[in-house]
PDB file of N, CA and C in Angstrom:
ATOM      1  N   MET A   1      12.625 -12.598 -26.135  1.00  0.00           N
ATOM      2  CA  MET A   1      11.534 -12.932 -25.237  1.00  0.00           C
ATOM      3  C   MET A   1      11.255 -11.742 -24.319  1.00  0.00           C
ATOM      4  N   LYS A   2       9.992 -11.604 -23.962  1.00  0.00           N
ATOM      5  CA  LYS A   2       9.590 -10.578 -23.001  1.00  0.00           C
ATOM      6  C   LYS A   2       8.610 -11.208 -22.026  1.00  0.00           C
ATOM      7  N   PHE A   3       8.173 -10.420 -21.063  1.00  0.00           N
ATOM      8  CA  PHE A   3       7.280 -10.923 -20.031  1.00  0.00           C
ATOM      9  C   PHE A   3       5.955 -10.179 -20.079  1.00  0.00           C
ATOM     10  N   CYS A   4       4.886 -10.874 -19.714  1.00  0.00           N
ATOM     11  CA  CYS A   4       3.545 -10.281 -19.694  1.00  0.00           C
ATOM     12  C   CYS A   4       3.505  -9.167 -18.657  1.00  0.00           C
ATOM     13  N   TYR A   5       2.821  -8.071 -19.018  1.00  0.00           N
ATOM     14  CA  TYR A   5       2.698  -6.936 -18.111  1.00  0.00           C
ATOM     15  C   TYR A   5       1.872  -7.275 -16.875  1.00  0.00           C
ATOM     16  N   LYS A   6       0.920  -8.214 -16.998  1.00  0.00           N
ATOM     17  CA  LYS A   6       0.038  -8.528 -15.876  1.00  0.00           C
ATOM     18  C   LYS A   6       0.498  -9.732 -15.069  1.00  0.00           C
ATOM     19  N   CYS A   7       0.699 -10.870 -15.721  1.00  0.00           N
ATOM     20  CA  CYS A   7       0.981 -12.100 -14.970  1.00  0.00           C
ATOM     21  C   CYS A   7       2.469 -12.422 -14.871  1.00  0.00           C
ATOM     22  N   GLY A   8       3.316 -11.777 -15.683  1.00  0.00           N
ATOM     23  CA  GLY A   8       4.756 -12.006 -15.610  1.00  0.00           C
ATOM     24  C   GLY A   8       5.227 -13.233 -16.375  1.00  0.00           C
ATOM     25  N   GLU A   9       4.334 -13.908 -17.071  1.00  0.00           N
ATOM     26  CA  GLU A   9       4.691 -15.104 -17.843  1.00  0.00           C
ATOM     27  C   GLU A   9       5.602 -14.710 -19.009  1.00  0.00           C
ATOM     28  N   GLU A  10       6.599 -15.535 -19.287  1.00  0.00           N
ATOM     29  CA  GLU A  10       7.479 -15.276 -20.425  1.00  0.00           C
ATOM     30  C   GLU A  10       6.710 -15.553 -21.715  1.00  0.00           C
ATOM     31  N   ILE A  11       6.715 -14.555 -22.613  1.00  0.00           N
ATOM     32  CA  ILE A  11       5.977 -14.681 -23.866  1.00  0.00           C
ATOM     33  C   ILE A  11       6.880 -14.282 -25.021  1.00  0.00           C
ATOM     34  N   ASP A  12       6.448 -14.588 -26.225  1.00  0.00           N
ATOM     35  CA  ASP A  12       7.191 -14.231 -27.429  1.00  0.00           C
ATOM     36  C   ASP A  12       7.280 -12.712 -27.552  1.00  0.00           C
ATOM     37  N   SER A  13       8.395 -12.213 -28.022  1.00  0.00           N
ATOM     38  CA  SER A  13       8.596 -10.767 -28.110  1.00  0.00           C
ATOM     39  C   SER A  13       7.639 -10.087 -29.088  1.00  0.00           C
ATOM     40  N   GLU A  14       7.056 -10.831 -30.004  1.00  0.00           N
ATOM     41  CA  GLU A  14       6.104 -10.277 -30.966  1.00  0.00           C
ATOM     42  C   GLU A  14       4.654 -10.488 -30.556  1.00  0.00           C
ATOM     43  N   ALA A  15       4.410 -11.094 -29.401  1.00  0.00           N
ATOM     44  CA  ALA A  15       3.046 -11.410 -28.967  1.00  0.00           C
ATOM     45  C   ALA A  15       2.266 -10.130 -28.701  1.00  0.00           C
ATOM     46  N   VAL A  16       1.020 -10.126 -29.173  1.00  0.00           N
ATOM     47  CA  VAL A  16       0.141  -8.992 -28.964  1.00  0.00           C
ATOM     48  C   VAL A  16      -0.715  -9.218 -27.714  1.00  0.00           C
ATOM     49  N   ILE A  17      -1.023 -10.476 -27.442  1.00  0.00           N
ATOM     50  CA  ILE A  17      -1.831 -10.860 -26.290  1.00  0.00           C
ATOM     51  C   ILE A  17      -1.112 -11.981 -25.550  1.00  0.00           C
ATOM     52  N   CYS A  18      -1.127 -11.945 -24.226  1.00  0.00           N
ATOM     53  CA  CYS A  18      -0.516 -12.998 -23.419  1.00  0.00           C
ATOM     54  C   CYS A  18      -1.338 -14.274 -23.568  1.00  0.00           C
ATOM     55  N   PRO A  19      -0.700 -15.397 -23.929  1.00  0.00           N
ATOM     56  CA  PRO A  19      -1.449 -16.640 -24.080  1.00  0.00           C
ATOM     57  C   PRO A  19      -1.951 -17.202 -22.745  1.00  0.00           C
ATOM     58  N   LYS A  20      -1.355 -16.793 -21.643  1.00  0.00           N
ATOM     59  CA  LYS A  20      -1.768 -17.326 -20.344  1.00  0.00           C
ATOM     60  C   LYS A  20      -2.964 -16.573 -19.774  1.00  0.00           C
ATOM     61  N   CYS A  21      -2.882 -15.230 -19.714  1.00  0.00           N
ATOM     62  CA  CYS A  21      -3.953 -14.465 -19.069  1.00  0.00           C
ATOM     63  C   CYS A  21      -4.808 -13.659 -20.045  1.00  0.00           C
ATOM     64  N   GLY A  22      -4.379 -13.515 -21.305  1.00  0.00           N
ATOM     65  CA  GLY A  22      -5.182 -12.827 -22.311  1.00  0.00           C
ATOM     66  C   GLY A  22      -5.111 -11.309 -22.286  1.00  0.00           C
ATOM     67  N   VAL A  23      -4.151 -10.740 -21.560  1.00  0.00           N
ATOM     68  CA  VAL A  23      -4.026  -9.292 -21.466  1.00  0.00           C
ATOM     69  C   VAL A  23      -3.274  -8.750 -22.672  1.00  0.00           C
ATOM     70  N   PRO A  24      -3.780  -7.667 -23.313  1.00  0.00           N
ATOM     71  CA  PRO A  24      -3.054  -7.057 -24.430  1.00  0.00           C
ATOM     72  C   PRO A  24      -1.677  -6.583 -23.972  1.00  0.00           C
ATOM     73  N   GLN A  25      -0.680  -6.688 -24.864  1.00  0.00           N
ATOM     74  CA  GLN A  25       0.698  -6.385 -24.510  1.00  0.00           C
ATOM     75  C   GLN A  25       1.227  -5.143 -25.200  1.00  0.00           C
ATOM     76  N   SER A  26       0.369  -4.145 -25.426  1.00  0.00           N
ATOM     77  CA  SER A  26       0.831  -2.905 -26.040  1.00  0.00           C
ATOM     78  C   SER A  26       1.609  -2.093 -25.018  1.00  0.00           C
ATOM     79  N   ASN A  27       2.411  -1.152 -25.492  1.00  0.00           N
ATOM     80  CA  ASN A  27       3.198  -0.318 -24.591  1.00  0.00           C
ATOM     81  C   ASN A  27       2.320   0.584 -23.734  1.00  0.00           C
ATOM     82  N   THR A  28       1.112   0.872 -24.202  1.00  0.00           N
ATOM     83  CA  THR A  28       0.218   1.707 -23.403  1.00  0.00           C
ATOM     84  C   THR A  28      -0.312   0.947 -22.197  1.00  0.00           C
ATOM     85  N   ALA A  29      -0.223  -0.373 -22.212  1.00  0.00           N
ATOM     86  CA  ALA A  29      -0.705  -1.169 -21.088  1.00  0.00           C
ATOM     87  C   ALA A  29       0.320  -1.255 -19.966  1.00  0.00           C
ATOM     88  N   LEU A  30       1.509  -0.723 -20.179  1.00  0.00           N
ATOM     89  CA  LEU A  30       2.567  -0.800 -19.184  1.00  0.00           C
ATOM     90  C   LEU A  30       2.215   0.054 -17.966  1.00  0.00           C
ATOM     91  N   VAL A  31       2.155  -0.578 -16.821  1.00  0.00           N
ATOM     92  CA  VAL A  31       1.863   0.108 -15.563  1.00  0.00           C
ATOM     93  C   VAL A  31       3.067  -0.071 -14.660  1.00  0.00           C
ATOM     94  N   VAL A  32       3.603   1.023 -14.167  1.00  0.00           N
ATOM     95  CA  VAL A  32       4.760   0.949 -13.285  1.00  0.00           C
ATOM     96  C   VAL A  32       4.268   0.604 -11.889  1.00  0.00           C
ATOM     97  N   ASP A  33       4.744  -0.524 -11.386  1.00  0.00           N
ATOM     98  CA  ASP A  33       4.365  -0.982 -10.055  1.00  0.00           C
ATOM     99  C   ASP A  33       5.639  -1.364  -9.314  1.00  0.00           C
ATOM    100  N   ASP A  34       6.367  -0.338  -8.877  1.00  0.00           N
ATOM    101  CA  ASP A  34       7.647  -0.595  -8.239  1.00  0.00           C
ATOM    102  C   ASP A  34       7.552  -0.686  -6.723  1.00  0.00           C
ATOM    103  N   GLY A  35       6.400  -0.421  -6.135  1.00  0.00           N
ATOM    104  CA  GLY A  35       6.244  -0.492  -4.696  1.00  0.00           C
ATOM    105  C   GLY A  35       7.097   0.530  -3.969  1.00  0.00           C
ATOM    106  N   ASN A  36       7.169   1.724  -4.504  1.00  0.00           N
ATOM    107  CA  ASN A  36       8.000   2.789  -3.954  1.00  0.00           C
ATOM    108  C   ASN A  36       7.609   3.112  -2.510  1.00  0.00           C
ATOM    109  N   ILE A  37       8.595   3.271  -1.641  1.00  0.00           N
ATOM    110  CA  ILE A  37       8.363   3.558  -0.227  1.00  0.00           C
ATOM    111  C   ILE A  37       7.681   4.912  -0.024  1.00  0.00           C
ATOM    112  N   GLY A  38       7.774   5.785  -1.010  1.00  0.00           N
ATOM    113  CA  GLY A  38       7.116   7.091  -0.922  1.00  0.00           C
ATOM    114  C   GLY A  38       5.612   6.965  -0.718  1.00  0.00           C
ATOM    115  N   TRP A  39       4.996   5.961  -1.328  1.00  0.00           N
ATOM    116  CA  TRP A  39       3.559   5.745  -1.149  1.00  0.00           C
ATOM    117  C   TRP A  39       3.275   5.279   0.269  1.00  0.00           C
ATOM    118  N   GLY A  40       4.185   4.521   0.861  1.00  0.00           N
ATOM    119  CA  GLY A  40       4.028   4.109   2.255  1.00  0.00           C
ATOM    120  C   GLY A  40       4.120   5.288   3.197  1.00  0.00           C
ATOM    121  N   ILE A  41       5.044   6.197   2.908  1.00  0.00           N
ATOM    122  CA  ILE A  41       5.191   7.396   3.731  1.00  0.00           C
ATOM    123  C   ILE A  41       3.939   8.267   3.602  1.00  0.00           C
ATOM    124  N   LEU A  42       3.424   8.415   2.386  1.00  0.00           N
ATOM    125  CA  LEU A  42       2.194   9.179   2.193  1.00  0.00           C
ATOM    126  C   LEU A  42       1.042   8.545   2.967  1.00  0.00           C
ATOM    127  N   GLY A  43       0.928   7.217   2.880  1.00  0.00           N
ATOM    128  CA  GLY A  43      -0.125   6.515   3.617  1.00  0.00           C
ATOM    129  C   GLY A  43       0.020   6.660   5.115  1.00  0.00           C
ATOM    130  N   CYS A  44       1.257   6.745   5.590  1.00  0.00           N
ATOM    131  CA  CYS A  44       1.499   6.924   7.025  1.00  0.00           C
ATOM    132  C   CYS A  44       1.146   8.341   7.471  1.00  0.00           C
ATOM    133  N   CYS A  45       1.471   9.326   6.665  1.00  0.00           N
ATOM    134  CA  CYS A  45       1.179  10.719   7.019  1.00  0.00           C
ATOM    135  C   CYS A  45      -0.307  11.029   6.905  1.00  0.00           C
ATOM    136  N   ILE A  46      -0.953  10.474   5.899  1.00  0.00           N
ATOM    137  CA  ILE A  46      -2.380  10.714   5.683  1.00  0.00           C
ATOM    138  C   ILE A  46      -3.049   9.347   5.496  1.00  0.00           C
ATOM    139  N   PRO A  47      -3.437   8.695   6.593  1.00  0.00           N
ATOM    140  CA  PRO A  47      -3.934   7.315   6.517  1.00  0.00           C
ATOM    141  C   PRO A  47      -5.141   7.119   5.607  1.00  0.00           C
ATOM    142  N   ILE A  48      -6.047   8.084   5.541  1.00  0.00           N
ATOM    143  CA  ILE A  48      -7.229   7.914   4.692  1.00  0.00           C
ATOM    144  C   ILE A  48      -6.824   7.843   3.219  1.00  0.00           C
ATOM    145  N   VAL A  49      -5.797   8.603   2.846  1.00  0.00           N
ATOM    146  CA  VAL A  49      -5.299   8.551   1.469  1.00  0.00           C
ATOM    147  C   VAL A  49      -4.667   7.189   1.197  1.00  0.00           C
ATOM    148  N   GLY A  50      -3.898   6.689   2.160  1.00  0.00           N
ATOM    149  CA  GLY A  50      -3.295   5.361   2.008  1.00  0.00           C
ATOM    150  C   GLY A  50      -4.343   4.282   1.834  1.00  0.00           C
ATOM    151  N   LEU A  51      -5.424   4.373   2.599  1.00  0.00           N
ATOM    152  CA  LEU A  51      -6.502   3.395   2.480  1.00  0.00           C
ATOM    153  C   LEU A  51      -7.188   3.486   1.120  1.00  0.00           C
ATOM    154  N   ILE A  52      -7.462   4.699   0.674  1.00  0.00           N
ATOM    155  CA  ILE A  52      -8.104   4.880  -0.634  1.00  0.00           C
ATOM    156  C   ILE A  52      -7.207   4.362  -1.751  1.00  0.00           C
ATOM    157  N   LEU A  53      -5.912   4.692  -1.688  1.00  0.00           N
ATOM    158  CA  LEU A  53      -4.984   4.204  -2.716  1.00  0.00           C
ATOM    159  C   LEU A  53      -4.899   2.687  -2.697  1.00  0.00           C
ATOM    160  N   PHE A  54      -4.908   2.092  -1.511  1.00  0.00           N
ATOM    161  CA  PHE A  54      -4.881   0.636  -1.422  1.00  0.00           C
ATOM    162  C   PHE A  54      -6.093   0.018  -2.112  1.00  0.00           C
ATOM    163  N   ILE A  55      -7.261   0.567  -1.842  1.00  0.00           N
ATOM    164  CA  ILE A  55      -8.488   0.029  -2.432  1.00  0.00           C
ATOM    165  C   ILE A  55      -8.497   0.213  -3.947  1.00  0.00           C
ATOM    166  N   VAL A  56      -8.067   1.375  -4.411  1.00  0.00           N
ATOM    167  CA  VAL A  56      -8.105   1.671  -5.848  1.00  0.00           C
ATOM    168  C   VAL A  56      -7.055   0.862  -6.611  1.00  0.00           C
ATOM    169  N   TRP A  57      -5.861   0.715  -6.057  1.00  0.00           N
ATOM    170  CA  TRP A  57      -4.744   0.107  -6.786  1.00  0.00           C
ATOM    171  C   TRP A  57      -4.524  -1.378  -6.513  1.00  0.00           C
ATOM    172  N   ARG A  58      -5.301  -2.022  -5.661  1.00  0.00           N
ATOM    173  CA  ARG A  58      -4.974  -3.391  -5.269  1.00  0.00           C
ATOM    174  C   ARG A  58      -4.965  -4.378  -6.432  1.00  0.00           C
ATOM    175  N   ASP A  59      -5.697  -4.113  -7.498  1.00  0.00           N
ATOM    176  CA  ASP A  59      -5.684  -5.007  -8.656  1.00  0.00           C
ATOM    177  C   ASP A  59      -4.680  -4.572  -9.723  1.00  0.00           C
ATOM    178  N   GLN A  60      -4.570  -3.262  -9.985  1.00  0.00           N
ATOM    179  CA  GLN A  60      -3.695  -2.780 -11.042  1.00  0.00           C
ATOM    180  C   GLN A  60      -2.237  -2.681 -10.592  1.00  0.00           C
ATOM    181  N   LYS A  61      -2.002  -2.243  -9.362  1.00  0.00           N
ATOM    182  CA  LYS A  61      -0.648  -2.036  -8.844  1.00  0.00           C
ATOM    183  C   LYS A  61      -0.540  -2.657  -7.451  1.00  0.00           C
ATOM    184  N   PRO A  62      -0.445  -3.966  -7.357  1.00  0.00           N
ATOM    185  CA  PRO A  62      -0.476  -4.595  -6.025  1.00  0.00           C
ATOM    186  C   PRO A  62       0.696  -4.212  -5.117  1.00  0.00           C
ATOM    187  N   ARG A  63       1.883  -4.029  -5.655  1.00  0.00           N
ATOM    188  CA  ARG A  63       3.029  -3.659  -4.807  1.00  0.00           C
ATOM    189  C   ARG A  63       2.878  -2.248  -4.253  1.00  0.00           C
ATOM    190  N   THR A  64       2.492  -1.322  -5.109  1.00  0.00           N
ATOM    191  CA  THR A  64       2.296   0.055  -4.681  1.00  0.00           C
ATOM    192  C   THR A  64       1.121   0.154  -3.711  1.00  0.00           C
ATOM    193  N   ALA A  65       0.053  -0.580  -3.978  1.00  0.00           N
ATOM    194  CA  ALA A  65      -1.106  -0.596  -3.083  1.00  0.00           C
ATOM    195  C   ALA A  65      -0.709  -1.121  -1.709  1.00  0.00           C
ATOM    196  N   LYS A  66       0.122  -2.148  -1.700  1.00  0.00           N
ATOM    197  CA  LYS A  66       0.566  -2.718  -0.428  1.00  0.00           C
ATOM    198  C   LYS A  66       1.350  -1.693   0.382  1.00  0.00           C
ATOM    199  N   GLN A  67       2.216  -0.929  -0.269  1.00  0.00           N
ATOM    200  CA  GLN A  67       2.998   0.096   0.436  1.00  0.00           C
ATOM    201  C   GLN A  67       2.083   1.164   1.028  1.00  0.00           C
ATOM    202  N   ALA A  68       1.125   1.645   0.242  1.00  0.00           N
ATOM    203  CA  ALA A  68       0.215   2.686   0.720  1.00  0.00           C
ATOM    204  C   ALA A  68      -0.651   2.163   1.865  1.00  0.00           C
ATOM    205  N   GLY A  69      -1.157   0.954   1.727  1.00  0.00           N
ATOM    206  CA  GLY A  69      -1.978   0.352   2.782  1.00  0.00           C
ATOM    207  C   GLY A  69      -1.183   0.077   4.045  1.00  0.00           C
ATOM    208  N   LEU A  70       0.057  -0.380   3.882  1.00  0.00           N
ATOM    209  CA  LEU A  70       0.911  -0.641   5.031  1.00  0.00           C
ATOM    210  C   LEU A  70       1.224   0.650   5.779  1.00  0.00           C
ATOM    211  N   GLY A  71       1.475   1.723   5.049  1.00  0.00           N
ATOM    212  CA  GLY A  71       1.712   3.016   5.681  1.00  0.00           C
ATOM    213  C   GLY A  71       0.509   3.474   6.482  1.00  0.00           C
ATOM    214  N   ALA A  72      -0.691   3.299   5.926  1.00  0.00           N
ATOM    215  CA  ALA A  72      -1.913   3.679   6.637  1.00  0.00           C
ATOM    216  C   ALA A  72      -2.107   2.821   7.884  1.00  0.00           C
ATOM    217  N   LEU A  73      -1.837   1.540   7.763  1.00  0.00           N
ATOM    218  CA  LEU A  73      -1.977   0.628   8.901  1.00  0.00           C
ATOM    219  C   LEU A  73      -1.005   0.986  10.026  1.00  0.00           C
ATOM    220  N   ILE A  74       0.226   1.268   9.672  1.00  0.00           N
ATOM    221  CA  ILE A  74       1.223   1.659  10.673  1.00  0.00           C
ATOM    222  C   ILE A  74       0.794   2.942  11.378  1.00  0.00           C
ATOM    223  N   SER A  75       0.280   3.888  10.634  1.00  0.00           N
ATOM    224  CA  SER A  75      -0.169   5.150  11.226  1.00  0.00           C
ATOM    225  C   SER A  75      -1.303   4.919  12.216  1.00  0.00           C
ATOM    226  N   VAL A  76      -2.250   4.087  11.864  1.00  0.00           N
ATOM    227  CA  VAL A  76      -3.383   3.814  12.752  1.00  0.00           C
ATOM    228  C   VAL A  76      -2.906   3.098  14.016  1.00  0.00           C
ATOM    229  N   ILE A  77      -2.025   2.119  13.865  1.00  0.00           N
ATOM    230  CA  ILE A  77      -1.501   1.383  15.022  1.00  0.00           C
ATOM    231  C   ILE A  77      -0.735   2.325  15.951  1.00  0.00           C
ATOM    232  N   LEU A  78       0.113   3.175  15.385  1.00  0.00           N
ATOM    233  CA  LEU A  78       0.858   4.125  16.211  1.00  0.00           C
ATOM    234  C   LEU A  78      -0.072   5.103  16.923  1.00  0.00           C
ATOM    235  N   SER A  79      -1.136   5.518  16.267  1.00  0.00           N
ATOM    236  CA  SER A  79      -2.102   6.421  16.901  1.00  0.00           C
ATOM    237  C   SER A  79      -2.792   5.746  18.078  1.00  0.00           C
ATOM    238  N   VAL A  80      -3.212   4.501  17.903  1.00  0.00           N
ATOM    239  CA  VAL A  80      -3.878   3.767  18.983  1.00  0.00           C
ATOM    240  C   VAL A  80      -2.924   3.576  20.157  1.00  0.00           C
ATOM    241  N   VAL A  81      -1.691   3.167  19.880  1.00  0.00           N
ATOM    242  CA  VAL A  81      -0.699   3.001  20.939  1.00  0.00           C
ATOM    243  C   VAL A  81      -0.439   4.335  21.637  1.00  0.00           C
ATOM    244  N   GLY A  82      -0.365   5.412  20.893  1.00  0.00           N
ATOM    245  CA  GLY A  82      -0.158   6.731  21.481  1.00  0.00           C
ATOM    246  C   GLY A  82      -1.296   7.130  22.400  1.00  0.00           C
ATOM    247  N   TYR A  83      -2.538   6.889  21.970  1.00  0.00           N
ATOM    248  CA  TYR A  83      -3.680   7.220  22.819  1.00  0.00           C
ATOM    249  C   TYR A  83      -3.687   6.366  24.085  1.00  0.00           C
ATOM    250  N   ILE A  84      -3.400   5.096  23.964  1.00  0.00           N
ATOM    251  CA  ILE A  84      -3.348   4.224  25.144  1.00  0.00           C
ATOM    252  C   ILE A  84      -2.275   4.720  26.103  1.00  0.00           C
ATOM    253  N   PHE A  85      -1.104   5.031  25.591  1.00  0.00           N
ATOM    254  CA  PHE A  85      -0.024   5.550  26.425  1.00  0.00           C
ATOM    255  C   PHE A  85      -0.441   6.857  27.094  1.00  0.00           C
ATOM    256  N   TYR A  86      -1.080   7.734  26.350  1.00  0.00           N
ATOM    257  CA  TYR A  86      -1.532   9.019  26.891  1.00  0.00           C
ATOM    258  C   TYR A  86      -2.503   8.811  28.049  1.00  0.00           C
ATOM    259  N   PHE A  87      -3.487   7.921  27.863  1.00  0.00           N
ATOM    260  CA  PHE A  87      -4.471   7.702  28.918  1.00  0.00           C
ATOM    261  C   PHE A  87      -3.856   7.022  30.136  1.00  0.00           C
ATOM    262  N   ILE A  88      -2.890   6.154  29.928  1.00  0.00           N
ATOM    263  CA  ILE A  88      -2.194   5.535  31.062  1.00  0.00           C
ATOM    264  C   ILE A  88      -1.425   6.597  31.837  1.00  0.00           C
ATOM    265  N   VAL A  89      -0.674   7.430  31.136  1.00  0.00           N
ATOM    266  CA  VAL A  89       0.107   8.476  31.801  1.00  0.00           C
ATOM    267  C   VAL A  89      -0.813   9.467  32.508  1.00  0.00           C
ATOM    268  N   MET A  90      -1.900   9.861  31.861  1.00  0.00           N
ATOM    269  CA  MET A  90      -2.828  10.803  32.491  1.00  0.00           C
ATOM    270  C   MET A  90      -3.509  10.171  33.704  1.00  0.00           C
ATOM    271  N   GLY A  91      -3.810   8.891  33.622  1.00  0.00           N
ATOM    272  CA  GLY A  91      -4.420   8.203  34.762  1.00  0.00           C
ATOM    273  C   GLY A  91      -3.476   8.143  35.941  1.00  0.00           C
ATOM    274  N   VAL A  92      -2.216   7.846  35.678  1.00  0.00           N
ATOM    275  CA  VAL A  92      -1.216   7.809  36.747  1.00  0.00           C
ATOM    276  C   VAL A  92      -1.010   9.208  37.303  1.00  0.00           C
ATOM    277  N   THR A  93      -0.933  10.205  36.437  1.00  0.00           N
ATOM    278  CA  THR A  93      -0.724  11.593  36.880  1.00  0.00           C
ATOM    279  C   THR A  93      -1.908  12.071  37.704  1.00  0.00           C
ATOM    280  N   LEU A  94      -3.133  11.818  37.257  1.00  0.00           N
ATOM    281  CA  LEU A  94      -4.310  12.245  38.007  1.00  0.00           C
ATOM    282  C   LEU A  94      -4.437  11.470  39.299  1.00  0.00           C
ATOM    283  N   GLY A  95      -4.027  10.216  39.302  1.00  0.00           N
ATOM    284  CA  GLY A  95      -4.065   9.399  40.519  1.00  0.00           C
ATOM    285  C   GLY A  95      -3.122   9.932  41.588  1.00  0.00           C
ATOM    286  N   THR A  96      -1.954  10.423  41.184  1.00  0.00           N
ATOM    287  CA  THR A  96      -1.005  10.960  42.151  1.00  0.00           C
ATOM    288  C   THR A  96      -1.419  12.345  42.635  1.00  0.00           C
ATOM    289  N   ILE A  97      -2.111  13.093  41.804  1.00  0.00           N
ATOM    290  CA  ILE A  97      -2.562  14.422  42.194  1.00  0.00           C
ATOM    291  C   ILE A  97      -3.711  14.306  43.201  1.00  0.00           C
ATOM    292  N   ASN A  98      -4.632  13.396  42.968  1.00  0.00           N
ATOM    293  CA  ASN A  98      -5.799  13.222  43.837  1.00  0.00           C
ATOM    294  C   ASN A  98      -5.463  12.493  45.135  1.00  0.00           C
ATOM    295  N   ALA A  99      -4.334  11.827  45.181  1.00  0.00           N
ATOM    296  CA  ALA A  99      -4.010  11.043  46.373  1.00  0.00           C
ATOM    297  C   ALA A  99      -3.428  11.867  47.486  1.00  0.00           C
TER     298      ALA A  99
END
């Protein structure tokens, strides 16, 4: 027995097409979707790339897309928090200088 490349349903080892979702089961259809943390790190370092990878891979590689998108999201959140912190510190610093 083997499992469908797309839906994960258990199918006969000689099956050419998955009876549940209809996806061909040739070896060329095998897509590695391990959700490697490296894609999350790439998305965090370059958020626009993470967003693009998320959009492109969300159907073919959902785990990997999630990692890339999560990395981009974390980067954006950290940037916003950093800017807020910067403006608070600068406001306090300028307030003490002008006082």
